[in-house]
Amino acid sequence: MNSAKLERSVRLNRVLSVLKKASRPLSTMDIVDRANVCAVNSIISELRDNGIRIKCQRSGNVWLYQLEAKK
């Protein structure tokens, strides 16, 4: 996979900003609505390739994403 570089991608930075502001895990649709993006799972993969730690969990048919707490 060819991931965009975080420092050059407005799209990745929009999603990262949304995740940073969230006080709870966000669904795929939450991220689509708040960051005005599509293909959230791909963006999450790109953010991970850039060293951002993101938790993913499933709740029924909904996928939830949240930044991992720094250790």
N, C-alpha and C. Protein backbone atom coordinates (compact mmCIF):
# COMPACT_ATOMS: atom_id res chain seq x y z
N MET A 1 0.85 -1.18 0.00
CA MET A 1 0.00 0.00 0.00
C MET A 1 0.89 1.24 0.00
N ASN A 2 0.55 2.20 -0.81
CA ASN A 2 1.25 3.48 -0.82
C ASN A 2 0.48 4.47 0.02
N SER A 3 0.99 4.75 1.20
CA SER A 3 0.32 5.66 2.11
C SER A 3 0.80 7.08 1.89
N ALA A 4 -0.12 8.02 2.00
CA ALA A 4 0.25 9.43 1.95
C ALA A 4 1.06 9.77 3.20
N LYS A 5 1.90 10.76 3.09
CA LYS A 5 2.68 11.24 4.23
C LYS A 5 1.82 12.21 5.03
N LEU A 6 1.78 12.01 6.32
CA LEU A 6 0.95 12.82 7.20
C LEU A 6 1.25 14.31 7.05
N GLU A 7 2.52 14.65 6.95
CA GLU A 7 2.89 16.06 6.87
C GLU A 7 2.45 16.74 5.56
N ARG A 8 2.07 15.94 4.56
CA ARG A 8 1.65 16.52 3.27
C ARG A 8 0.20 16.26 2.92
N SER A 9 -0.55 15.58 3.78
CA SER A 9 -1.91 15.18 3.42
C SER A 9 -2.96 15.92 4.25
N VAL A 10 -3.71 16.76 3.59
CA VAL A 10 -4.82 17.46 4.25
C VAL A 10 -5.86 16.45 4.72
N ARG A 11 -6.12 15.45 3.91
CA ARG A 11 -7.12 14.42 4.22
C ARG A 11 -6.76 13.67 5.50
N LEU A 12 -5.53 13.21 5.60
CA LEU A 12 -5.11 12.50 6.81
C LEU A 12 -5.15 13.40 8.03
N ASN A 13 -4.73 14.64 7.86
CA ASN A 13 -4.74 15.57 8.99
C ASN A 13 -6.15 15.92 9.45
N ARG A 14 -7.11 15.97 8.52
CA ARG A 14 -8.51 16.21 8.91
C ARG A 14 -9.01 15.08 9.79
N VAL A 15 -8.75 13.84 9.39
CA VAL A 15 -9.21 12.69 10.17
C VAL A 15 -8.48 12.63 11.51
N LEU A 16 -7.19 12.87 11.52
CA LEU A 16 -6.44 12.87 12.78
C LEU A 16 -6.98 13.93 13.73
N SER A 17 -7.29 15.09 13.22
CA SER A 17 -7.87 16.16 14.05
C SER A 17 -9.20 15.75 14.65
N VAL A 18 -10.04 15.11 13.86
CA VAL A 18 -11.34 14.63 14.34
C VAL A 18 -11.14 13.60 15.45
N LEU A 19 -10.21 12.68 15.27
CA LEU A 19 -9.94 11.67 16.28
C LEU A 19 -9.39 12.29 17.56
N LYS A 20 -8.53 13.30 17.43
CA LYS A 20 -7.95 13.97 18.60
C LYS A 20 -9.01 14.69 19.42
N LYS A 21 -10.01 15.26 18.76
CA LYS A 21 -11.06 16.02 19.45
C LYS A 21 -12.13 15.13 20.07
N ALA A 22 -12.18 13.88 19.68
CA ALA A 22 -13.25 12.98 20.13
C ALA A 22 -13.06 12.55 21.58
N SER A 23 -14.14 12.56 22.31
CA SER A 23 -14.11 12.12 23.71
C SER A 23 -14.58 10.67 23.86
N ARG A 24 -14.93 10.06 22.74
CA ARG A 24 -15.41 8.69 22.72
C ARG A 24 -15.01 8.06 21.39
N PRO A 25 -15.08 6.73 21.29
CA PRO A 25 -14.81 6.11 19.99
C PRO A 25 -15.79 6.61 18.93
N LEU A 26 -15.31 6.78 17.72
CA LEU A 26 -16.14 7.28 16.63
C LEU A 26 -16.41 6.18 15.61
N SER A 27 -17.64 6.16 15.13
CA SER A 27 -18.00 5.20 14.09
C SER A 27 -17.45 5.69 12.74
N THR A 28 -17.47 4.78 11.79
CA THR A 28 -17.07 5.14 10.43
C THR A 28 -17.88 6.34 9.94
N MET A 29 -19.19 6.32 10.16
CA MET A 29 -20.04 7.42 9.70
C MET A 29 -19.76 8.71 10.45
N ASP A 30 -19.42 8.63 11.74
CA ASP A 30 -19.02 9.83 12.49
C ASP A 30 -17.83 10.49 11.80
N ILE A 31 -16.85 9.68 11.44
CA ILE A 31 -15.65 10.22 10.81
C ILE A 31 -15.95 10.76 9.42
N VAL A 32 -16.77 10.04 8.65
CA VAL A 32 -17.18 10.52 7.32
C VAL A 32 -17.83 11.89 7.44
N ASP A 33 -18.76 12.02 8.38
CA ASP A 33 -19.49 13.29 8.55
C ASP A 33 -18.60 14.42 9.05
N ARG A 34 -17.76 14.14 10.03
CA ARG A 34 -16.96 15.20 10.66
C ARG A 34 -15.75 15.62 9.85
N ALA A 35 -15.16 14.67 9.11
CA ALA A 35 -13.94 14.98 8.36
C ALA A 35 -14.19 15.13 6.85
N ASN A 36 -15.42 14.86 6.42
CA ASN A 36 -15.78 14.97 5.00
C ASN A 36 -14.84 14.12 4.13
N VAL A 37 -14.74 12.83 4.50
CA VAL A 37 -13.90 11.88 3.77
C VAL A 37 -14.70 10.62 3.45
N CYS A 38 -14.13 9.80 2.60
CA CYS A 38 -14.66 8.46 2.32
C CYS A 38 -13.55 7.45 2.62
N ALA A 39 -13.87 6.19 2.57
CA ALA A 39 -12.89 5.12 2.75
C ALA A 39 -12.13 5.25 4.07
N VAL A 40 -12.89 5.35 5.15
CA VAL A 40 -12.29 5.55 6.47
C VAL A 40 -11.31 4.44 6.82
N ASN A 41 -11.65 3.20 6.52
CA ASN A 41 -10.73 2.10 6.86
C ASN A 41 -9.38 2.27 6.18
N SER A 42 -9.36 2.76 4.96
CA SER A 42 -8.09 3.00 4.26
C SER A 42 -7.32 4.15 4.89
N ILE A 43 -8.03 5.18 5.28
CA ILE A 43 -7.38 6.33 5.92
C ILE A 43 -6.78 5.91 7.26
N ILE A 44 -7.51 5.09 8.02
CA ILE A 44 -6.98 4.60 9.30
C ILE A 44 -5.70 3.81 9.04
N SER A 45 -5.67 2.99 8.00
CA SER A 45 -4.46 2.24 7.65
C SER A 45 -3.31 3.17 7.31
N GLU A 46 -3.60 4.22 6.56
CA GLU A 46 -2.57 5.20 6.21
C GLU A 46 -2.04 5.91 7.44
N LEU A 47 -2.94 6.29 8.36
CA LEU A 47 -2.50 6.93 9.60
C LEU A 47 -1.60 5.99 10.39
N ARG A 48 -1.98 4.72 10.45
CA ARG A 48 -1.14 3.73 11.15
C ARG A 48 0.23 3.61 10.48
N ASP A 49 0.27 3.63 9.15
CA ASP A 49 1.55 3.58 8.43
C ASP A 49 2.41 4.79 8.76
N ASN A 50 1.79 5.88 9.19
CA ASN A 50 2.49 7.09 9.59
C ASN A 50 2.79 7.12 11.09
N GLY A 51 2.58 5.99 11.76
CA GLY A 51 2.94 5.88 13.16
C GLY A 51 1.88 6.28 14.17
N ILE A 52 0.67 6.57 13.72
CA ILE A 52 -0.42 6.94 14.62
C ILE A 52 -1.07 5.67 15.13
N ARG A 53 -1.19 5.56 16.44
CA ARG A 53 -1.79 4.36 17.04
C ARG A 53 -3.29 4.57 17.22
N ILE A 54 -4.06 3.72 16.56
CA ILE A 54 -5.52 3.84 16.56
C ILE A 54 -6.13 2.48 16.90
N LYS A 55 -7.02 2.50 17.90
CA LYS A 55 -7.75 1.29 18.28
C LYS A 55 -8.97 1.16 17.38
N CYS A 56 -9.32 -0.07 17.08
CA CYS A 56 -10.51 -0.35 16.30
C CYS A 56 -11.27 -1.46 17.01
N GLN A 57 -12.57 -1.28 17.17
CA GLN A 57 -13.39 -2.34 17.76
C GLN A 57 -14.72 -2.38 17.04
N ARG A 58 -15.33 -3.52 17.10
CA ARG A 58 -16.62 -3.71 16.44
C ARG A 58 -17.71 -3.78 17.50
N SER A 59 -18.80 -3.09 17.23
CA SER A 59 -19.99 -3.12 18.09
C SER A 59 -21.17 -3.46 17.19
N GLY A 60 -21.51 -4.75 17.13
CA GLY A 60 -22.55 -5.17 16.20
C GLY A 60 -22.04 -5.01 14.78
N ASN A 61 -22.75 -4.24 13.98
CA ASN A 61 -22.33 -3.98 12.60
C ASN A 61 -21.58 -2.67 12.44
N VAL A 62 -21.22 -2.04 13.55
CA VAL A 62 -20.57 -0.73 13.52
C VAL A 62 -19.12 -0.87 13.94
N TRP A 63 -18.21 -0.27 13.16
CA TRP A 63 -16.80 -0.22 13.51
C TRP A 63 -16.53 1.10 14.21
N LEU A 64 -15.76 1.05 15.29
CA LEU A 64 -15.45 2.23 16.10
C LEU A 64 -13.94 2.44 16.15
N TYR A 65 -13.53 3.70 16.05
CA TYR A 65 -12.11 4.05 16.02
C TYR A 65 -11.81 5.09 17.11
N GLN A 66 -10.64 4.94 17.73
CA GLN A 66 -10.22 5.88 18.77
C GLN A 66 -8.70 5.88 18.84
N LEU A 67 -8.12 7.07 19.05
CA LEU A 67 -6.68 7.14 19.24
C LEU A 67 -6.32 6.36 20.51
N GLU A 68 -5.21 5.64 20.45
CA GLU A 68 -4.74 4.94 21.64
C GLU A 68 -4.05 5.94 22.56
N ALA A 69 -4.23 5.74 23.85
CA ALA A 69 -3.57 6.60 24.82
C ALA A 69 -2.06 6.40 24.73
N LYS A 70 -1.31 7.47 24.89
CA LYS A 70 0.15 7.37 24.86
C LYS A 70 0.61 6.67 26.13
N LYS A 71 1.62 5.84 25.97
CA LYS A 71 2.16 5.09 27.11
C LYS A 71 3.27 5.84 27.78
